[in-house]
Amino acid sequence: MLLWLLLGIFFVVVIWIIGTYNSLVTLKKRVENAWSQIDVQLKRRHDLIPNLVNSVKGYMKYEQETLEKVMKARASAISSKDINKRIENENELSGVLSRLLAVVENYPDLKANENVNQLMEELRKTEDKISYARQFYNDIVMKFNTKLSVFPSNIIANVFSFKEKPFFKAPDEEKEVPNVNL
């Protein structure tokens, strides 16, 4: 009788370990999928930037430094391998890109250019998609990191060396309160 009880407890523990491990793997795969969705949108943005820079280059003779910063930030973002560095570089690119878009607003000829308008609209749509993908990614990362931290699943997470994933944080420029003059 005692043997059956011990065997029953053993099987319950084994099933719990397997279930917890599988749920951690599932969440990890969801995090990876969410990151790949961000990556797709970032690639789209990376592809649009050279076209936009080339389209505005002739008009923005006095803004060459801004254009160079955009291309340098793009190159850094593309070449990043580590996820934390990639997030940092993408945030830097977002900041430089928003400055470029603000500068473009100061050029009436550019605002009238159909090609530039189309590229800017595509870039805005892509930025919106990146924002949604970041939100989804952060939601999944929160679930995964929480599961790694709470008892008793943290025991399984430690045994199988699951590591927390980084959040995609908003760049400092986006956190600033906008200045409104009426």
C-alpha atoms as a PDB file:
ATOM      1  CA  MET A   1       0.000   0.000   0.000  1.00  0.00           C
ATOM      2  CA  LEU A   2       2.794   2.399   0.935  1.00  0.00           C
ATOM      3  CA  LEU A   3       4.653   1.430  -2.227  1.00  0.00           C
ATOM      4  CA  TRP A   4       1.639   2.365  -4.388  1.00  0.00           C
ATOM      5  CA  LEU A   5       1.318   5.664  -2.583  1.00  0.00           C
ATOM      6  CA  LEU A   6       5.003   6.454  -3.162  1.00  0.00           C
ATOM      7  CA  LEU A   7       4.736   5.421  -6.828  1.00  0.00           C
ATOM      8  CA  GLY A   8       1.646   7.624  -7.216  1.00  0.00           C
ATOM      9  CA  ILE A   9       3.449  10.618  -5.675  1.00  0.00           C
ATOM     10  CA  PHE A  10       6.484   9.938  -7.883  1.00  0.00           C
ATOM     11  CA  PHE A  11       4.355   9.891 -11.056  1.00  0.00           C
ATOM     12  CA  VAL A  12       2.537  13.073 -10.062  1.00  0.00           C
ATOM     13  CA  VAL A  13       5.878  14.831  -9.513  1.00  0.00           C
ATOM     14  CA  VAL A  14       7.251  13.544 -12.844  1.00  0.00           C
ATOM     15  CA  ILE A  15       4.115  14.680 -14.691  1.00  0.00           C
ATOM     16  CA  TRP A  16       4.324  18.095 -12.983  1.00  0.00           C
ATOM     17  CA  ILE A  17       8.007  18.444 -13.992  1.00  0.00           C
ATOM     18  CA  ILE A  18       7.218  17.518 -17.598  1.00  0.00           C
ATOM     19  CA  GLY A  19       4.234  19.888 -17.718  1.00  0.00           C
ATOM     20  CA  THR A  20       6.211  22.775 -16.231  1.00  0.00           C
ATOM     21  CA  TYR A  21       9.161  22.170 -18.545  1.00  0.00           C
ATOM     22  CA  ASN A  22       6.867  22.028 -21.593  1.00  0.00           C
ATOM     23  CA  SER A  23       5.104  25.244 -20.611  1.00  0.00           C
ATOM     24  CA  LEU A  24       8.481  26.990 -20.220  1.00  0.00           C
ATOM     25  CA  VAL A  25       9.592  25.746 -23.642  1.00  0.00           C
ATOM     26  CA  THR A  26       6.285  26.895 -25.159  1.00  0.00           C
ATOM     27  CA  LEU A  27       6.668  30.382 -23.694  1.00  0.00           C
ATOM     28  CA  LYS A  28      10.301  30.540 -24.830  1.00  0.00           C
ATOM     29  CA  LYS A  29       9.222  29.661 -28.384  1.00  0.00           C
ATOM     30  CA  ARG A  30       6.517  32.341 -28.237  1.00  0.00           C
ATOM     31  CA  VAL A  31       9.151  34.886 -27.196  1.00  0.00           C
ATOM     32  CA  GLU A  32      11.325  33.824 -30.126  1.00  0.00           C
ATOM     33  CA  ASN A  33       8.345  34.091 -32.484  1.00  0.00           C
ATOM     34  CA  ALA A  34       7.451  37.535 -31.147  1.00  0.00           C
ATOM     35  CA  TRP A  35      11.047  38.666 -31.658  1.00  0.00           C
ATOM     36  CA  SER A  36      11.014  37.359 -35.216  1.00  0.00           C
ATOM     37  CA  GLN A  37       7.851  39.409 -35.876  1.00  0.00           C
ATOM     38  CA  ILE A  38       9.709  42.510 -34.686  1.00  0.00           C
ATOM     39  CA  ASP A  39      12.675  41.488 -36.801  1.00  0.00           C
ATOM     40  CA  VAL A  40      10.521  41.296 -39.948  1.00  0.00           C
ATOM     41  CA  GLN A  41       9.267  44.847 -39.396  1.00  0.00           C
ATOM     42  CA  LEU A  42      12.748  46.117 -38.551  1.00  0.00           C
ATOM     43  CA  LYS A  43      14.056  44.612 -41.792  1.00  0.00           C
ATOM     44  CA  ARG A  44      11.302  46.415 -43.660  1.00  0.00           C
ATOM     45  CA  ARG A  45      12.315  49.672 -41.974  1.00  0.00           C
ATOM     46  CA  HIS A  46      15.984  49.016 -42.780  1.00  0.00           C
ATOM     47  CA  ASP A  47      15.024  48.539 -46.429  1.00  0.00           C
ATOM     48  CA  LEU A  48      12.970  51.758 -46.570  1.00  0.00           C
ATOM     49  CA  ILE A  49      15.577  54.032 -44.983  1.00  0.00           C
ATOM     50  CA  PRO A  50      18.118  54.123 -47.863  1.00  0.00           C
ATOM     51  CA  ASN A  51      15.324  54.932 -50.320  1.00  0.00           C
ATOM     52  CA  LEU A  52      14.098  57.779 -48.123  1.00  0.00           C
ATOM     53  CA  VAL A  53      17.613  59.125 -47.560  1.00  0.00           C
ATOM     54  CA  ASN A  54      18.345  59.036 -51.291  1.00  0.00           C
ATOM     55  CA  SER A  55      15.054  60.791 -52.054  1.00  0.00           C
ATOM     56  CA  VAL A  56      15.675  63.662 -49.635  1.00  0.00           C
ATOM     57  CA  LYS A  57      19.434  63.990 -50.119  1.00  0.00           C
ATOM     58  CA  GLY A  58      19.222  66.510 -52.960  1.00  0.00           C
ATOM     59  CA  TYR A  59      16.823  68.782 -51.102  1.00  0.00           C
ATOM     60  CA  MET A  60      18.554  68.652 -47.721  1.00  0.00           C
ATOM     61  CA  LYS A  61      21.976  70.049 -48.547  1.00  0.00           C
ATOM     62  CA  TYR A  62      22.347  71.556 -45.077  1.00  0.00           C
ATOM     63  CA  GLU A  63      21.247  68.412 -43.262  1.00  0.00           C
ATOM     64  CA  GLN A  64      23.967  65.995 -44.389  1.00  0.00           C
ATOM     65  CA  GLU A  65      24.931  65.301 -40.766  1.00  0.00           C
ATOM     66  CA  THR A  66      21.399  64.118 -40.001  1.00  0.00           C
ATOM     67  CA  LEU A  67      21.395  61.854 -43.052  1.00  0.00           C
ATOM     68  CA  GLU A  68      24.789  60.417 -42.093  1.00  0.00           C
ATOM     69  CA  LYS A  69      23.556  59.742 -38.543  1.00  0.00           C
ATOM     70  CA  VAL A  70      20.542  57.865 -39.919  1.00  0.00           C
ATOM     71  CA  MET A  71      22.681  55.671 -42.154  1.00  0.00           C
ATOM     72  CA  LYS A  72      25.226  55.049 -39.374  1.00  0.00           C
ATOM     73  CA  ALA A  73      22.473  54.103 -36.906  1.00  0.00           C
ATOM     74  CA  ARG A  74      20.938  51.801 -39.525  1.00  0.00           C
ATOM     75  CA  ALA A  75      24.295  50.084 -40.101  1.00  0.00           C
ATOM     76  CA  SER A  76      24.772  49.590 -36.343  1.00  0.00           C
ATOM     77  CA  ALA A  77      21.291  48.142 -35.974  1.00  0.00           C
ATOM     78  CA  ILE A  78      21.762  45.717 -38.859  1.00  0.00           C
ATOM     79  CA  SER A  79      25.155  44.505 -37.645  1.00  0.00           C
ATOM     80  CA  SER A  80      24.083  43.885 -34.024  1.00  0.00           C
ATOM     81  CA  LYS A  81      24.116  40.208 -33.072  1.00  0.00           C
ATOM     82  CA  ASP A  82      23.398  40.334 -29.328  1.00  0.00           C
ATOM     83  CA  ILE A  83      19.694  40.918 -28.603  1.00  0.00           C
ATOM     84  CA  ASN A  84      20.382  43.539 -25.909  1.00  0.00           C
ATOM     85  CA  LYS A  85      22.711  45.479 -28.224  1.00  0.00           C
ATOM     86  CA  ARG A  86      20.213  45.113 -31.073  1.00  0.00           C
ATOM     87  CA  ILE A  87      17.423  46.574 -28.946  1.00  0.00           C
ATOM     88  CA  GLU A  88      19.695  49.459 -27.943  1.00  0.00           C
ATOM     89  CA  ASN A  89      20.753  50.135 -31.552  1.00  0.00           C
ATOM     90  CA  GLU A  90      17.187  49.928 -32.860  1.00  0.00           C
ATOM     91  CA  ASN A  91      16.099  52.438 -30.217  1.00  0.00           C
ATOM     92  CA  GLU A  92      18.915  54.745 -31.316  1.00  0.00           C
ATOM     93  CA  LEU A  93      17.814  54.352 -34.939  1.00  0.00           C
ATOM     94  CA  SER A  94      14.233  55.222 -33.966  1.00  0.00           C
ATOM     95  CA  GLY A  95      15.430  58.429 -32.329  1.00  0.00           C
ATOM     96  CA  VAL A  96      17.597  59.508 -35.268  1.00  0.00           C
ATOM     97  CA  LEU A  97      14.853  58.600 -37.720  1.00  0.00           C
ATOM     98  CA  SER A  98      12.274  60.692 -35.855  1.00  0.00           C
ATOM     99  CA  ARG A  99      14.685  63.644 -36.036  1.00  0.00           C
ATOM    100  CA  LEU A 100      15.005  63.111 -39.796  1.00  0.00           C
ATOM    101  CA  LEU A 101      11.233  63.060 -40.210  1.00  0.00           C
ATOM    102  CA  ALA A 102      10.979  66.271 -38.176  1.00  0.00           C
ATOM    103  CA  VAL A 103      13.623  67.925 -40.378  1.00  0.00           C
ATOM    104  CA  VAL A 104      11.803  66.813 -43.534  1.00  0.00           C
ATOM    105  CA  GLU A 105       8.747  68.746 -42.319  1.00  0.00           C
ATOM    106  CA  ASN A 106      10.799  71.974 -42.612  1.00  0.00           C
ATOM    107  CA  TYR A 107      11.255  71.534 -46.379  1.00  0.00           C
ATOM    108  CA  PRO A 108       8.122  72.469 -48.372  1.00  0.00           C
ATOM    109  CA  ASP A 109       9.583  71.035 -51.601  1.00  0.00           C
ATOM    110  CA  LEU A 110      10.069  67.677 -49.893  1.00  0.00           C
ATOM    111  CA  LYS A 111       6.561  67.686 -48.480  1.00  0.00           C
ATOM    112  CA  ALA A 112       5.251  68.220 -52.019  1.00  0.00           C
ATOM    113  CA  ASN A 113       7.366  65.382 -53.483  1.00  0.00           C
ATOM    114  CA  GLU A 114       5.120  62.370 -54.140  1.00  0.00           C
ATOM    115  CA  ASN A 115       7.948  59.825 -53.815  1.00  0.00           C
ATOM    116  CA  VAL A 116       9.049  61.228 -50.453  1.00  0.00           C
ATOM    117  CA  ASN A 117       5.447  61.315 -49.209  1.00  0.00           C
ATOM    118  CA  GLN A 118       4.928  57.703 -50.200  1.00  0.00           C
ATOM    119  CA  LEU A 119       8.164  56.594 -48.508  1.00  0.00           C
ATOM    120  CA  MET A 120       7.328  58.550 -45.357  1.00  0.00           C
ATOM    121  CA  GLU A 121       3.854  57.004 -45.245  1.00  0.00           C
ATOM    122  CA  GLU A 122       5.325  53.506 -45.645  1.00  0.00           C
ATOM    123  CA  LEU A 123       7.814  54.305 -42.892  1.00  0.00           C
ATOM    124  CA  ARG A 124       5.037  55.542 -40.581  1.00  0.00           C
ATOM    125  CA  LYS A 125       3.020  52.375 -41.189  1.00  0.00           C
ATOM    126  CA  THR A 126       6.105  50.265 -40.537  1.00  0.00           C
ATOM    127  CA  GLU A 127       6.806  52.170 -37.319  1.00  0.00           C
ATOM    128  CA  ASP A 128       3.228  51.444 -36.201  1.00  0.00           C
ATOM    129  CA  LYS A 129       3.699  47.751 -36.958  1.00  0.00           C
ATOM    130  CA  ILE A 130       6.992  47.766 -35.037  1.00  0.00           C
ATOM    131  CA  SER A 131       5.215  49.346 -32.094  1.00  0.00           C
ATOM    132  CA  TYR A 132       2.514  46.654 -32.073  1.00  0.00           C
ATOM    133  CA  ALA A 133       5.087  43.895 -32.460  1.00  0.00           C
ATOM    134  CA  ARG A 134       7.128  45.333 -29.567  1.00  0.00           C
ATOM    135  CA  GLN A 135       4.033  45.392 -27.371  1.00  0.00           C
ATOM    136  CA  PHE A 136       3.238  41.763 -28.206  1.00  0.00           C
ATOM    137  CA  TYR A 137       6.869  40.771 -27.598  1.00  0.00           C
ATOM    138  CA  ASN A 138       6.943  42.525 -24.229  1.00  0.00           C
ATOM    139  CA  ASP A 139       3.678  40.837 -23.179  1.00  0.00           C
ATOM    140  CA  ILE A 140       5.098  37.402 -23.956  1.00  0.00           C
ATOM    141  CA  VAL A 141       8.443  38.235 -22.303  1.00  0.00           C
ATOM    142  CA  MET A 142       6.569  39.315 -19.173  1.00  0.00           C
ATOM    143  CA  LYS A 143       4.710  35.978 -19.037  1.00  0.00           C
ATOM    144  CA  PHE A 144       7.917  34.022 -19.636  1.00  0.00           C
ATOM    145  CA  ASN A 145       9.995  35.975 -17.099  1.00  0.00           C
ATOM    146  CA  THR A 146       7.205  35.733 -14.529  1.00  0.00           C
ATOM    147  CA  LYS A 147       7.028  31.960 -14.967  1.00  0.00           C
ATOM    148  CA  LEU A 148      10.808  31.806 -14.458  1.00  0.00           C
ATOM    149  CA  SER A 149      10.501  33.763 -11.230  1.00  0.00           C
ATOM    150  CA  VAL A 150       7.519  32.233  -9.431  1.00  0.00           C
ATOM    151  CA  PHE A 151       7.619  29.194  -7.215  1.00  0.00           C
ATOM    152  CA  PRO A 152       7.596  26.254  -7.960  1.00  0.00           C
ATOM    153  CA  SER A 153       8.265  26.659 -11.708  1.00  0.00           C
ATOM    154  CA  ASN A 154      11.448  28.606 -10.897  1.00  0.00           C
ATOM    155  CA  ILE A 155      12.956  25.329  -9.647  1.00  0.00           C
ATOM    156  CA  ILE A 156      12.460  23.680 -13.045  1.00  0.00           C
ATOM    157  CA  ALA A 157      13.667  26.849 -14.810  1.00  0.00           C
ATOM    158  CA  ASN A 158      16.892  26.823 -12.785  1.00  0.00           C
ATOM    159  CA  VAL A 159      17.471  23.097 -13.258  1.00  0.00           C
ATOM    160  CA  PHE A 160      17.126  23.424 -17.041  1.00  0.00           C
ATOM    161  CA  SER A 161      18.976  26.792 -17.243  1.00  0.00           C
ATOM    162  CA  PHE A 162      16.183  28.940 -18.634  1.00  0.00           C
ATOM    163  CA  LYS A 163      17.238  32.611 -18.685  1.00  0.00           C
ATOM    164  CA  GLU A 164      15.123  35.744 -18.584  1.00  0.00           C
ATOM    165  CA  LYS A 165      14.584  37.594 -21.856  1.00  0.00           C
ATOM    166  CA  PRO A 166      15.069  41.364 -22.220  1.00  0.00           C
ATOM    167  CA  PHE A 167      12.175  43.750 -22.677  1.00  0.00           C
ATOM    168  CA  PHE A 168      12.073  46.076 -25.677  1.00  0.00           C
ATOM    169  CA  LYS A 169      12.012  49.465 -23.951  1.00  0.00           C
ATOM    170  CA  ALA A 170      11.016  52.749 -25.511  1.00  0.00           C
ATOM    171  CA  PRO A 171      13.885  55.050 -26.432  1.00  0.00           C
ATOM    172  CA  ASP A 172      14.409  58.050 -24.171  1.00  0.00           C
ATOM    173  CA  GLU A 173      13.290  60.406 -26.955  1.00  0.00           C
ATOM    174  CA  GLU A 174       9.882  58.718 -26.996  1.00  0.00           C
ATOM    175  CA  LYS A 175       9.492  59.026 -23.226  1.00  0.00           C
ATOM    176  CA  GLU A 176       9.851  62.814 -23.251  1.00  0.00           C
ATOM    177  CA  VAL A 177       6.696  64.875 -22.934  1.00  0.00           C
ATOM    178  CA  PRO A 178       6.051  66.643 -26.228  1.00  0.00           C
ATOM    179  CA  ASN A 179       6.234  70.432 -26.203  1.00  0.00           C
ATOM    180  CA  VAL A 180       2.926  71.889 -27.454  1.00  0.00           C
ATOM    181  CA  ASN A 181       2.624  75.534 -28.452  1.00  0.00           C
ATOM    182  CA  LEU A 182      -0.864  76.767 -29.288  1.00  0.00           C
END
